[in-house]
Amino acid sequence: MNNKIKKILFPTLLIVTILTLTTGCFEKRTTIEHKEDNIDLKINIMEKLKAKVSKDIKDFKSSRESAMIMTKNFNISIEINKDMSYDEYKGSFEKLKKGHSKLKDYKEVTYSGLKGFQNYNESYMRYEVYLPIKGSNDRCLQLNIYSTLNRDEETKKQYKTKEVQDTLNHVKVKYTKPKENKKK
């Protein structure tokens, strides 16, 4: 190999390796899975958060939640909304978005390549992130972010942390169309 190439290649590889190691690109992750009807949800969460998943109703903040991801500083509940007629949903994510767009803390967001929206719900002291489920006309994914301290200012602070944002950016949701029964 040419000496000029070696002089360029070695420092470049060294810099890339150092940057990769220091930015956490090799962060160990745990996959949290949740299945509900024809929807598979997978969230790759940083292992250092020591997240636990609860399906116990005593850990939920509302009756619509079906699972709670619990960490030391924040919790994320999972809702796979079906009956959203109270929110003008009626099978259209765009209608749902439009209905929420008038709220004070409404903001369009993109997590994991899914274009959705968020708002802050003062009654529950939580951020609500709504994401569409591709292929499903009657469901959407709602992730609710709570601070474990149960205070407005703490929830708003937690939502902006690297850990929460990273978790939201590692969500995969898949809808599988139900098989039709064939009559003979």
Protein backbone atom coordinates (compact mmCIF):
# COMPACT_ATOMS: atom_id res chain seq x y z
CA MET A 1 0.00 0.00 0.00
CA ASN A 2 1.23 3.46 -0.85
CA ASN A 3 2.65 5.49 2.08
CA LYS A 4 0.47 8.48 1.20
CA ILE A 5 -2.66 6.35 1.42
CA LYS A 6 -1.51 4.86 4.76
CA LYS A 7 -0.94 8.35 6.19
CA ILE A 8 -4.50 9.35 5.30
CA LEU A 9 -6.28 6.07 5.94
CA PHE A 10 -4.95 5.30 9.43
CA PRO A 11 -5.85 8.68 11.06
CA THR A 12 -9.24 8.65 9.33
CA LEU A 13 -10.07 5.17 10.65
CA LEU A 14 -8.84 6.18 14.10
CA ILE A 15 -11.09 9.27 14.16
CA VAL A 16 -14.12 7.30 12.92
CA THR A 17 -13.53 4.62 15.58
CA ILE A 18 -13.16 7.16 18.40
CA LEU A 19 -16.26 9.09 17.30
CA THR A 20 -18.29 5.89 17.07
CA LEU A 21 -17.28 4.76 20.55
CA THR A 22 -17.77 8.16 22.22
CA THR A 23 -21.15 8.95 20.64
CA GLY A 24 -22.71 5.72 21.85
CA CYS A 25 -23.32 4.15 18.46
CA PHE A 26 -22.69 0.80 20.11
CA GLU A 27 -25.25 1.41 22.85
CA LYS A 28 -26.59 -1.90 24.13
CA ARG A 29 -30.35 -2.15 23.66
CA THR A 30 -33.24 -4.24 24.87
CA THR A 31 -36.23 -4.90 22.64
CA ILE A 32 -39.59 -4.42 24.25
CA GLU A 33 -42.44 -6.10 22.37
CA HIS A 34 -46.15 -5.53 22.68
CA LYS A 35 -48.79 -7.29 20.60
CA GLU A 36 -52.41 -6.27 20.48
CA ASP A 37 -54.87 -7.68 17.99
CA ASN A 38 -53.11 -7.42 14.59
CA ILE A 39 -50.52 -4.86 15.70
CA ASP A 40 -46.94 -5.65 16.65
CA LEU A 41 -45.01 -2.94 18.46
CA LYS A 42 -41.27 -3.15 19.09
CA ILE A 43 -39.28 -0.53 20.95
CA ASN A 44 -35.50 -0.81 21.18
CA ILE A 45 -34.65 0.91 24.44
CA MET A 46 -31.22 1.61 25.88
CA GLU A 47 -30.23 -1.23 28.18
CA LYS A 48 -28.78 1.19 30.74
CA LEU A 49 -32.33 2.46 31.47
CA LYS A 50 -33.20 -0.95 32.99
CA ALA A 51 -36.74 -0.67 31.65
CA LYS A 52 -39.45 -3.00 32.85
CA VAL A 53 -42.75 -3.61 31.10
CA SER A 54 -45.93 -3.87 33.10
CA LYS A 55 -49.33 -5.01 31.90
CA ASP A 56 -50.76 -4.65 35.40
CA ILE A 57 -53.67 -2.22 35.53
CA LYS A 58 -52.41 -0.79 38.84
CA ASP A 59 -49.46 0.75 36.96
CA PHE A 60 -51.66 2.49 34.36
CA LYS A 61 -52.76 6.12 34.55
CA SER A 62 -55.83 5.66 32.33
CA SER A 63 -58.14 2.83 31.36
CA ARG A 64 -57.08 3.00 27.70
CA GLU A 65 -53.47 2.02 28.37
CA SER A 66 -52.48 -1.58 27.71
CA ALA A 67 -48.81 -1.58 28.78
CA MET A 68 -46.39 0.64 30.67
CA ILE A 69 -42.65 0.86 30.06
CA MET A 70 -41.17 1.82 33.41
CA THR A 71 -37.74 3.35 34.04
CA LYS A 72 -36.22 5.21 36.99
CA ASN A 73 -37.04 8.72 35.67
CA PHE A 74 -39.89 8.29 33.21
CA ASN A 75 -42.65 5.93 32.12
CA ILE A 76 -44.11 5.49 28.66
CA SER A 77 -47.55 3.99 28.37
CA ILE A 78 -48.79 2.29 25.23
CA GLU A 79 -52.25 2.82 23.79
CA ILE A 80 -53.35 1.30 20.53
CA ASN A 81 -56.42 3.39 19.98
CA LYS A 82 -59.40 1.89 18.27
CA ASP A 83 -62.38 3.86 19.52
CA MET A 84 -61.38 7.44 18.86
CA SER A 85 -64.73 8.83 17.78
CA TYR A 86 -64.55 11.30 20.66
CA ASP A 87 -61.56 12.85 18.90
CA GLU A 88 -63.13 13.13 15.43
CA TYR A 89 -60.87 10.26 14.34
CA LYS A 90 -63.31 8.06 12.48
CA GLY A 91 -60.57 6.17 10.63
CA SER A 92 -58.52 9.13 9.44
CA PHE A 93 -55.21 10.05 11.07
CA GLU A 94 -55.37 13.41 9.27
CA LYS A 95 -58.74 14.15 10.92
CA LEU A 96 -57.28 13.20 14.28
CA LYS A 97 -54.32 15.49 13.66
CA LYS A 98 -56.60 18.34 12.60
CA GLY A 99 -58.75 17.87 15.71
CA HIS A 100 -55.69 18.18 17.97
CA SER A 101 -54.02 21.01 16.02
CA LYS A 102 -56.02 23.60 17.95
CA LEU A 103 -54.52 22.53 21.28
CA LYS A 104 -52.00 24.85 22.93
CA ASP A 105 -49.02 22.48 22.97
CA TYR A 106 -49.71 20.79 19.61
CA LYS A 107 -46.64 20.10 17.47
CA GLU A 108 -46.07 17.89 14.44
CA VAL A 109 -43.24 15.40 15.04
CA THR A 110 -41.46 12.57 13.26
CA TYR A 111 -40.20 9.61 15.27
CA SER A 112 -38.75 6.48 13.70
CA GLY A 113 -39.77 7.80 10.28
CA LEU A 114 -43.44 8.04 11.35
CA LYS A 115 -45.00 11.46 10.90
CA GLY A 116 -47.34 12.17 13.76
CA PHE A 117 -47.99 14.83 16.36
CA GLN A 118 -47.70 15.51 20.04
CA ASN A 119 -49.48 17.55 22.64
CA TYR A 120 -49.24 18.03 26.37
CA ASN A 121 -52.22 16.83 28.42
CA GLU A 122 -52.36 18.90 31.61
CA SER A 123 -55.03 16.70 33.22
CA TYR A 124 -52.79 13.63 33.12
CA MET A 125 -49.46 15.56 33.32
CA ARG A 126 -48.15 13.73 30.27
CA TYR A 127 -46.95 14.25 26.73
CA GLU A 128 -49.04 12.33 24.22
CA VAL A 129 -47.35 11.27 21.00
CA TYR A 130 -49.71 10.03 18.27
CA LEU A 131 -48.25 7.99 15.41
CA PRO A 132 -50.09 6.43 12.46
CA ILE A 133 -50.10 2.68 11.97
CA LYS A 134 -49.50 2.04 8.29
CA GLY A 135 -52.19 -0.18 6.77
CA SER A 136 -54.69 0.29 9.58
CA ASN A 137 -57.61 2.61 8.99
CA ASP A 138 -59.13 2.29 12.43
CA ARG A 139 -56.13 2.43 14.78
CA CYS A 140 -53.28 4.68 15.77
CA LEU A 141 -50.44 4.38 18.26
CA GLN A 142 -50.43 6.70 21.24
CA LEU A 143 -47.38 6.82 23.50
CA ASN A 144 -47.84 8.75 26.75
CA ILE A 145 -44.73 10.04 28.50
CA TYR A 146 -44.88 10.61 32.25
CA SER A 147 -42.28 11.71 34.76
CA THR A 148 -41.98 9.32 37.69
CA LEU A 149 -42.22 12.41 39.93
CA ASN A 150 -45.72 13.16 38.57
CA ARG A 151 -45.22 16.90 38.15
CA ASP A 152 -45.79 19.13 35.11
CA GLU A 153 -42.33 20.69 35.09
CA GLU A 154 -40.62 17.31 35.58
CA THR A 155 -42.60 15.70 32.75
CA LYS A 156 -41.74 18.56 30.41
CA LYS A 157 -38.07 18.25 31.40
CA GLN A 158 -38.03 14.45 31.00
CA TYR A 159 -39.68 14.59 27.57
CA LYS A 160 -36.75 16.59 26.21
CA THR A 161 -34.07 14.22 27.54
CA LYS A 162 -31.87 12.17 25.27
CA GLU A 163 -33.25 8.95 26.77
CA VAL A 164 -36.91 9.72 25.98
CA GLN A 165 -36.14 11.10 22.52
CA ASP A 166 -33.95 8.08 21.76
CA THR A 167 -36.71 5.71 22.87
CA LEU A 168 -39.28 7.44 20.66
CA ASN A 169 -36.85 7.22 17.75
CA HIS A 170 -36.60 3.44 18.13
CA VAL A 171 -40.27 2.54 17.74
CA LYS A 172 -41.43 0.09 15.09
CA VAL A 173 -45.08 -0.66 14.61
CA LYS A 174 -46.47 -3.18 12.15
CA TYR A 175 -50.04 -3.96 11.21
CA THR A 176 -50.89 -7.40 9.84
CA LYS A 177 -54.13 -7.57 7.92
CA PRO A 178 -56.42 -10.24 9.39
CA LYS A 179 -56.91 -13.32 7.30
CA GLU A 180 -60.36 -13.69 5.85
CA ASN A 181 -62.28 -16.85 6.61
CA LYS A 182 -62.94 -18.82 3.45
CA LYS A 183 -66.33 -20.49 3.24
CA LYS A 184 -66.61 -23.76 1.40
